[in-house]
Every structure is written in C-alpha cells, then in structure tokens.
C-alpha cells in the first residue's frame, strides 16, 4: 500500500504549472504523464488550426502585403507549428507512466515559440492595414487563441506562455494605435482563456487522482486477498532463483529511488540494503528476510529499515513464493507498505 493520491484541493497552480513538486512525488509523476498524454492527443488538432489560421491570414493580406513577406511569415509559422507538434508527439504515448518536472516545464518553450510566430501579424502587418483587414485579422487571432487554449489546456505552462505572449502583443499594439478600449478587451479575453485553461487542467488532475485512488483501493483489496498476480498491488515485483529483481513495477522503482529500467537485474537484498550493502552492516530484519528468501518461506509484515536518498524509512513486507502454487517456478511475488519509524 502506498500514499493516498494528492487530493483535488492540493492541485495548486504551482503544481499544475510544474513549477514545484506536488505533495506526493510519485503520484504527481503519474499525473504529469497524464497531462503530457492529453496534450499529445490534441497536438494534431493544434497543428491543423494553426495552419488553417495562417492560410486565412494569407488570403486576407494577399493584396495588401508584399508576397515575400507573407511567404516568409508563412514559413516561420509552419516551422513553429510543426516543431511544437513533433515535440508533443515524441512524448510518452501512455498516460500510466511517470513524467519528471522538466518535461512539463519544457512545454513553456512550445507555447512561447508558437505565440512568437503569430505575434508577427499584429506587430508587423497590422500597423499598415486598413480597418476592415485589421478586423478580419483580429477575428482570426481570437480563434487561434481560443483553439490554442483548448488544445494545450492540459499543459498549463505552455498555454499560459502562448496566451500571455500573443495576448499582450495584441493589447500593446492596440494601445499604441490609440484604441485603449480594444486593448483592455484583449487583456480581459486573454485572462478569461487562461482561467478556462487552468480550470480544465485542474479537472484533469482531479479525474486522474480519482483514478489512482480507485486503483490503489483495488490493489489493497487484492493484497488482502493474497492475489499476487502481475495486475495486483502497485508495489509488486518478482525475484528470480538468484534473488535478483525481475518484473519490477514502475511504482516500486520510484519508491526505492531507482530507475524503473536499471532496477531489474539488481540483487533484491542490495536494493533494500542501500548504502549498507557495501559495508555489510545489515539490519536484523534484512538478515531475517535473506533467510526467508533462501528457505523459500512465506512471510507477512516483516519490518525492516530502508534508506532512500539518505532518508530512513520503515517498510513492512509480505511475500508468497511461487512454489506454493507451481513447484517448477523459481519466482516469488512480493509486496510492501511503508510504516513510520518505531
């Protein structure tokens, strides 16, 4: 059993933006993966809207702006849109993994880059256009900002970067032209889109946290029923005949402070011993665990200290050797829960 997922009330703006870690690092790693996955699913929609909006601008300005200027801007917009889309599509394709803070923070670059490409329109083109063309461009920009807020909403930092850059550019340009009221309207419109984006992202976090809570309840029931299958409790792993870790769940690797890939193949006792593995100064509980594993005995609620990143934690372990069900199998499925230090 692990910690309860972060409650919805704890989904503060800093955690949503990826500026700081949530209350439970492991749970928020999974929530960030869900955010990136949702952004990945909407990447092609954002690309289509951006290119369609660019085509609309070209049609509106084809008789008012030099062709080479439109072509140059179109190339910049296409490059920025494709770059953002490829970055989104390169993210992990499943929402049940783990994502570090840096992955969410880096999405700010995408939002700002796309907004910078669109900001060329109000800065470079609009000051030299008649009122009718400016109104049409304003409508296109409003659609682009709305579509961007919708498609990038799960990635709050990217959306805020996009809206803040483009919205402030439009507002400043309108103010410089003497249209103060229109500039204030642009600011209000941008703030409303940002609030909607934050609300949608918070809803995603609440739903994902609820899913994790249900998963953990199911896993706890499975553990109590001693269902040590691959789809049982989240903190499960297996050891082979040499007592090396195999089939470790990602959650167990994170709990041990190790990489989910490199932990497979490590000696199970080495994982639990931590720094004491080199010195040989093992806790009595670890020696008891070694004897149990060697004798292939079942055990429950075996308590021992485990040092993770310099912090001592007390775990309770239970194990069911596979030999109790299949004599030919050399593996043992094991679960753990963390307890406060005695």
Protein backbone atom coordinates (compact mmCIF):
# COMPACT_ATOMS: atom_id res chain seq x y z
CA UNK A 1 0.00 0.00 0.00
CA UNK A 2 1.33 3.47 -0.84
CA UNK A 3 0.38 7.01 -0.02
CA UNK A 4 -3.10 8.24 -0.97
CA UNK A 5 -3.12 10.26 -4.22
CA UNK A 6 -2.97 14.00 -3.86
CA UNK A 7 -6.47 15.28 -3.05
CA UNK A 8 -8.04 17.68 -5.54
CA UNK A 9 -7.67 20.61 -3.15
CA UNK A 10 -3.89 20.12 -3.24
CA UNK A 11 -3.78 20.63 -7.03
CA UNK A 12 -2.46 24.16 -6.62
CA UNK A 13 -1.36 26.33 -9.52
CA UNK A 14 2.35 25.76 -8.85
CA UNK A 15 1.94 22.00 -9.18
CA UNK A 16 -0.26 22.35 -12.28
CA UNK A 17 2.34 24.55 -13.93
CA UNK A 18 5.15 22.20 -12.99
CA UNK A 19 6.96 24.90 -11.04
CA UNK A 20 7.19 22.73 -7.93
CA UNK A 21 6.67 19.14 -6.93
CA UNK A 22 3.31 18.05 -5.55
CA UNK A 23 2.75 16.64 -2.09
CA UNK A 24 3.37 13.08 -3.33
CA UNK A 25 6.17 12.97 -5.89
CA UNK A 26 5.27 9.52 -7.18
CA UNK A 27 1.59 10.36 -7.65
CA UNK A 28 2.36 13.68 -9.32
CA UNK A 29 4.79 11.92 -11.65
CA UNK A 30 1.85 9.87 -12.89
CA UNK A 31 -0.42 12.92 -13.07
CA UNK A 32 2.17 14.78 -15.17
CA UNK A 33 2.32 11.80 -17.51
CA UNK A 34 -1.46 12.07 -17.92
CA UNK A 35 -1.11 15.80 -18.69
CA UNK A 36 1.51 15.16 -21.37
CA UNK A 37 -0.55 12.33 -22.81
CA UNK A 38 -3.60 14.59 -23.09
CA UNK A 39 -1.51 17.27 -24.79
CA UNK A 40 -0.16 14.66 -27.20
CA UNK A 41 -3.65 13.61 -28.24
CA UNK A 42 -4.55 17.21 -29.19
CA UNK A 43 -1.28 18.02 -30.97
CA UNK A 44 -2.61 17.37 -34.47
CA UNK A 45 -5.70 19.49 -33.79
CA UNK A 46 -3.48 22.41 -32.78
CA UNK A 47 -1.39 21.94 -35.93
CA UNK A 48 -4.47 21.92 -38.18
CA UNK A 49 -5.94 25.05 -36.59
CA UNK A 50 -2.63 26.91 -36.72
CA UNK A 51 -2.05 26.13 -40.41
CA UNK A 52 -5.68 26.93 -41.28
CA UNK A 53 -5.40 30.24 -39.46
CA UNK A 54 -2.17 31.00 -41.29
CA UNK A 55 -3.88 30.30 -44.61
CA UNK A 56 -6.73 32.66 -43.64
CA UNK A 57 -4.24 35.44 -42.87
CA UNK A 58 -2.52 34.94 -46.23
CA UNK A 59 -5.88 35.18 -48.03
CA UNK A 60 -6.81 38.36 -46.15
CA UNK A 61 -3.47 40.06 -46.84
CA UNK A 62 -2.59 38.78 -50.31
CA UNK A 63 -3.44 42.14 -51.90
CA UNK A 64 -2.17 44.32 -49.06
CA UNK A 65 1.24 42.86 -48.14
CA UNK A 66 4.23 42.01 -50.31
CA UNK A 67 4.23 38.32 -51.29
CA UNK A 68 7.75 37.75 -49.99
CA UNK A 69 6.72 39.00 -46.54
CA UNK A 70 3.71 36.68 -46.44
CA UNK A 71 5.82 33.78 -47.67
CA UNK A 72 8.50 34.42 -45.04
CA UNK A 73 5.96 34.65 -42.26
CA UNK A 74 4.15 31.54 -43.52
CA UNK A 75 7.42 29.60 -43.43
CA UNK A 76 8.11 30.76 -39.86
CA UNK A 77 4.60 29.82 -38.71
CA UNK A 78 4.75 26.42 -40.40
CA UNK A 79 8.13 25.66 -38.86
CA UNK A 80 6.96 26.68 -35.39
CA UNK A 81 3.70 24.71 -35.68
CA UNK A 82 5.45 21.57 -36.92
CA UNK A 83 8.13 21.87 -34.24
CA UNK A 84 5.53 22.07 -31.46
CA UNK A 85 3.60 19.14 -32.95
CA UNK A 86 6.67 16.90 -33.26
CA UNK A 87 7.69 17.68 -29.68
CA UNK A 88 4.20 16.74 -28.47
CA UNK A 89 4.13 13.52 -30.48
CA UNK A 90 7.54 12.47 -29.13
CA UNK A 91 6.23 12.33 -25.59
CA UNK A 92 5.38 9.02 -23.91
CA UNK A 93 2.35 7.53 -25.64
CA UNK A 94 0.72 6.21 -22.47
CA UNK A 95 -0.80 8.07 -19.56
CA UNK A 96 0.08 5.43 -16.93
CA UNK A 97 3.81 6.17 -16.82
CA UNK A 98 5.85 8.71 -14.88
CA UNK A 99 6.99 12.15 -16.07
CA UNK A 100 9.58 14.40 -14.38
CA UNK A 101 9.03 18.09 -13.68
CA UNK A 102 11.38 19.07 -16.50
CA UNK A 103 9.07 17.53 -19.13
CA UNK A 104 6.21 19.80 -18.09
CA UNK A 105 8.42 22.87 -17.69
CA UNK A 106 9.86 22.45 -21.17
CA UNK A 107 6.41 22.78 -22.69
CA UNK A 108 6.61 26.53 -21.99
CA UNK A 109 9.06 26.77 -24.89
CA UNK A 110 6.43 25.35 -27.24
CA UNK A 111 3.75 27.84 -26.24
CA UNK A 112 6.07 30.85 -26.44
CA UNK A 113 7.54 29.77 -29.78
CA UNK A 114 4.11 29.36 -31.38
CA UNK A 115 2.90 32.66 -29.94
CA UNK A 116 6.01 34.45 -31.22
CA UNK A 117 5.28 33.26 -34.75
CA UNK A 118 1.72 34.58 -34.53
CA UNK A 119 2.83 37.82 -32.86
CA UNK A 120 4.44 38.88 -36.15
CA UNK A 121 0.95 39.57 -37.51
CA UNK A 122 -0.09 42.36 -35.09
CA UNK A 123 3.43 43.76 -34.81
CA UNK A 124 4.49 43.78 -38.45
CA UNK A 125 1.35 43.62 -40.60
CA UNK A 126 -1.45 45.36 -38.72
CA UNK A 127 0.05 48.89 -38.41
CA UNK A 128 -0.04 49.26 -42.22
CA UNK A 129 -3.52 47.85 -42.90
CA UNK A 130 -6.96 49.44 -43.30
CA UNK A 131 -9.59 48.97 -40.64
CA UNK A 132 -11.52 46.23 -42.44
CA UNK A 133 -8.49 44.00 -42.82
CA UNK A 134 -7.50 44.59 -39.21
CA UNK A 135 -10.91 43.45 -38.00
CA UNK A 136 -10.59 40.23 -40.00
CA UNK A 137 -7.14 39.57 -38.61
CA UNK A 138 -8.41 40.22 -35.09
CA UNK A 139 -11.09 37.59 -35.58
CA UNK A 140 -8.53 35.05 -36.80
CA UNK A 141 -6.24 35.77 -33.84
CA UNK A 142 -9.15 35.32 -31.43
CA UNK A 143 -9.92 31.93 -32.96
CA UNK A 144 -6.25 30.93 -32.77
CA UNK A 145 -6.01 31.92 -29.10
CA UNK A 146 -9.20 30.01 -28.28
CA UNK A 147 -8.05 26.91 -30.15
CA UNK A 148 -4.63 27.10 -28.51
CA UNK A 149 -6.21 27.36 -25.04
CA UNK A 150 -8.34 24.30 -25.83
CA UNK A 151 -5.63 22.13 -27.40
CA UNK A 152 -2.91 22.95 -24.87
CA UNK A 153 -5.13 23.25 -21.78
CA UNK A 154 -3.75 20.08 -20.08
CA UNK A 155 -0.28 21.68 -20.32
CA UNK A 156 -0.98 24.81 -18.31
CA UNK A 157 2.51 26.28 -18.55
CA UNK A 158 2.53 26.01 -22.36
CA UNK A 159 -0.93 27.55 -22.59
CA UNK A 160 -0.11 30.43 -20.25
CA UNK A 161 3.06 31.12 -22.23
CA UNK A 162 1.12 31.11 -25.50
CA UNK A 163 -1.75 33.30 -24.28
CA UNK A 164 0.44 35.74 -22.37
CA UNK A 165 2.82 36.29 -25.29
CA UNK A 166 0.21 36.66 -28.01
CA UNK A 167 -2.42 38.41 -25.89
CA UNK A 168 -0.03 41.01 -24.54
CA UNK A 169 1.32 41.68 -28.03
CA UNK A 170 -2.17 42.32 -29.40
CA UNK A 171 -3.11 44.52 -26.42
CA UNK A 172 0.05 46.62 -26.67
CA UNK A 173 -0.37 47.08 -30.43
CA UNK A 174 -3.97 48.23 -29.98
CA UNK A 175 -2.92 50.65 -27.23
CA UNK A 176 -0.18 52.12 -29.43
CA UNK A 177 -2.77 52.75 -32.14
CA UNK A 178 -4.88 54.67 -29.63
CA UNK A 179 -7.57 52.01 -29.24
CA UNK A 180 -7.33 51.71 -25.49
CA UNK A 181 -10.75 50.09 -25.06
CA UNK A 182 -9.95 47.39 -27.59
CA UNK A 183 -6.62 46.78 -25.84
CA UNK A 184 -8.36 46.32 -22.49
CA UNK A 185 -10.80 43.95 -24.17
CA UNK A 186 -7.87 41.90 -25.48
CA UNK A 187 -6.43 41.67 -21.98
CA UNK A 188 -9.75 40.56 -20.49
CA UNK A 189 -10.21 38.00 -23.27
CA UNK A 190 -6.73 36.59 -22.62
CA UNK A 191 -7.34 36.34 -18.87
CA UNK A 192 -10.63 34.54 -19.41
CA UNK A 193 -8.97 31.99 -21.67
CA UNK A 194 -6.22 31.47 -19.09
CA UNK A 195 -8.79 30.88 -16.33
CA UNK A 196 -10.64 28.36 -18.51
CA UNK A 197 -7.36 26.59 -19.23
CA UNK A 198 -6.50 26.33 -15.52
CA UNK A 199 -9.99 25.04 -14.75
CA UNK A 200 -9.75 22.31 -17.41
CA UNK A 201 -6.28 21.29 -16.25
CA UNK A 202 -7.43 21.10 -12.64
CA UNK A 203 -10.34 18.90 -13.71
CA UNK A 204 -7.91 16.56 -15.46
CA UNK A 205 -5.82 16.32 -12.28
CA UNK A 206 -8.90 15.61 -10.17
CA UNK A 207 -10.03 12.84 -12.52
CA UNK A 208 -6.56 11.29 -12.68
CA UNK A 209 -6.19 11.45 -8.88
CA UNK A 210 -9.56 9.75 -8.52
CA UNK A 211 -8.46 7.01 -10.93
CA UNK A 212 -5.28 6.45 -8.93
CA UNK A 213 -7.27 6.30 -5.70
CA UNK A 214 -9.55 3.64 -7.16
CA UNK A 215 -6.55 1.70 -8.45
CA UNK A 216 -4.93 1.73 -5.02
CA UNK A 217 -8.12 0.57 -3.33
CA UNK A 218 -8.35 -2.30 -5.80
CA UNK A 219 -4.70 -3.11 -5.20
CA UNK A 220 -5.19 -3.09 -1.43
CA UNK A 221 -8.12 -5.50 -1.72
CA UNK A 222 -6.01 -7.72 -3.97
CA UNK A 223 -3.19 -7.69 -1.44
CA UNK A 224 -5.53 -8.61 1.40
CA UNK A 225 -6.89 -11.45 -0.69
CA UNK A 226 -3.29 -12.55 -1.36
CA UNK A 227 -3.73 -12.20 -5.12
CA UNK A 228 -0.08 -11.80 -6.02
CA UNK A 229 -0.55 -11.61 -9.78
CA UNK A 230 1.07 -9.22 -12.22
CA UNK A 231 -2.00 -6.95 -12.12
CA UNK A 232 -2.29 -6.94 -8.34
CA UNK A 233 -0.90 -4.38 -5.90
CA UNK A 234 1.08 -1.50 -7.32
CA UNK A 235 4.18 -2.10 -5.20
CA UNK A 236 4.81 -5.61 -6.54
CA UNK A 237 7.90 -7.18 -8.01
CA UNK A 238 9.34 -10.64 -8.50
CA UNK A 239 12.69 -12.24 -7.71
CA UNK A 240 14.31 -15.00 -9.71
CA UNK A 241 16.20 -18.03 -8.41
CA UNK A 242 19.28 -15.87 -7.70
CA UNK A 243 17.08 -13.42 -5.77
CA UNK A 244 17.52 -10.68 -8.38
CA UNK A 245 14.65 -8.27 -9.01
CA UNK A 246 12.63 -9.00 -12.15
CA UNK A 247 9.34 -7.55 -13.41
CA UNK A 248 9.55 -4.60 -11.03
CA UNK A 249 6.60 -2.23 -11.29
CA UNK A 250 7.50 1.43 -12.03
CA UNK A 251 5.98 2.48 -8.70
CA UNK A 252 8.25 0.15 -6.76
CA UNK A 253 11.32 1.50 -8.58
CA UNK A 254 10.34 5.09 -7.77
CA UNK A 255 9.74 4.14 -4.13
CA UNK A 256 13.28 2.72 -3.99
CA UNK A 257 14.75 5.84 -5.58
CA UNK A 258 15.96 3.89 -8.61
CA UNK A 259 15.33 3.93 -12.33
CA UNK A 260 12.45 1.63 -13.39
CA UNK A 261 14.73 0.03 -16.01
CA UNK A 262 18.01 -0.37 -14.14
CA UNK A 263 16.41 -1.87 -11.03
CA UNK A 264 15.64 -5.06 -12.94
CA UNK A 265 18.55 -7.43 -12.50
CA UNK A 266 19.75 -5.94 -9.20
CA UNK A 267 20.01 -8.17 -6.16
CA UNK A 268 16.83 -7.72 -4.14
CA UNK A 269 18.73 -7.53 -0.85
CA UNK A 270 21.06 -4.92 -2.38
CA UNK A 271 18.07 -2.76 -3.28
CA UNK A 272 16.79 -2.87 0.30
CA UNK A 273 20.21 -2.57 1.96
CA UNK A 274 21.11 0.61 0.09
CA UNK A 275 24.44 2.11 1.27
CA UNK A 276 24.83 -0.67 3.86
CA UNK A 277 25.35 -3.18 1.05
CA UNK A 278 28.99 -2.18 0.67
CA UNK A 279 29.77 -2.05 4.40
CA UNK A 280 27.96 -5.28 5.26
CA UNK A 281 26.32 -3.71 8.32
CA UNK A 282 22.82 -5.06 7.72
CA UNK A 283 19.75 -4.56 9.89
CA UNK A 284 18.48 -7.70 11.68
CA UNK A 285 15.29 -7.55 9.63
CA UNK A 286 17.29 -7.75 6.41
CA UNK A 287 19.10 -10.87 7.63
CA UNK A 288 15.75 -12.41 8.53
CA UNK A 289 14.47 -11.58 5.06
CA UNK A 290 17.52 -13.21 3.49
CA UNK A 291 16.89 -16.40 5.47
CA UNK A 292 13.22 -16.42 4.45
CA UNK A 293 14.08 -15.99 0.78
CA UNK A 294 16.75 -18.67 0.93
CA UNK A 295 14.32 -21.13 2.52
CA UNK A 296 11.52 -20.03 0.16
CA UNK A 297 9.22 -19.44 3.14
CA UNK A 298 6.14 -17.25 3.07
CA UNK A 299 6.14 -14.29 5.42
CA UNK A 300 3.95 -11.35 6.32
CA UNK A 301 4.53 -7.94 7.95
CA UNK A 302 8.30 -8.32 8.14
CA UNK A 303 9.57 -4.90 9.24
CA UNK A 304 12.97 -3.50 8.29
CA UNK A 305 14.55 -0.06 7.73
CA UNK A 306 15.24 1.03 4.16
CA UNK A 307 17.38 4.06 3.30
CA UNK A 308 16.12 6.03 0.28
CA UNK A 309 18.11 9.11 -0.80
CA UNK A 310 19.62 9.41 2.66
CA UNK A 311 16.24 9.15 4.43
CA UNK A 312 15.46 6.16 6.62
CA UNK A 313 12.03 4.63 6.09
CA UNK A 314 10.44 1.59 7.70
CA UNK A 315 8.74 -0.88 5.41
CA UNK A 316 6.58 -3.91 6.08
CA UNK A 317 6.97 -6.68 3.53
CA UNK A 318 4.92 -9.75 2.70
CA UNK A 319 5.84 -12.48 0.24
CA UNK A 320 4.30 -15.56 -1.30
CA UNK A 321 6.79 -17.90 -3.01
CA UNK A 322 5.60 -19.09 -6.40
CA UNK A 323 6.45 -22.64 -5.33
CA UNK A 324 3.32 -22.68 -3.17
CA UNK A 325 1.35 -22.68 -6.42
CA UNK A 326 3.76 -24.03 -9.00
CA UNK A 327 6.73 -26.16 -7.87
CA UNK A 328 8.54 -25.56 -11.15
CA UNK A 329 8.52 -21.81 -10.79
CA UNK A 330 11.58 -20.18 -9.14
CA UNK A 331 9.99 -16.75 -8.65
CA UNK A 332 8.44 -15.01 -5.67
CA UNK A 333 5.91 -12.18 -5.82
CA UNK A 334 6.38 -9.60 -3.06
CA UNK A 335 4.56 -6.53 -1.83
CA UNK A 336 5.46 -3.73 0.57
CA UNK A 337 4.00 -0.87 2.54
CA UNK A 338 5.78 1.95 4.30
CA UNK A 339 5.43 2.37 8.07
CA UNK A 340 6.58 5.15 10.39
CA UNK A 341 9.85 4.63 12.19
CA UNK A 342 9.50 2.92 15.57
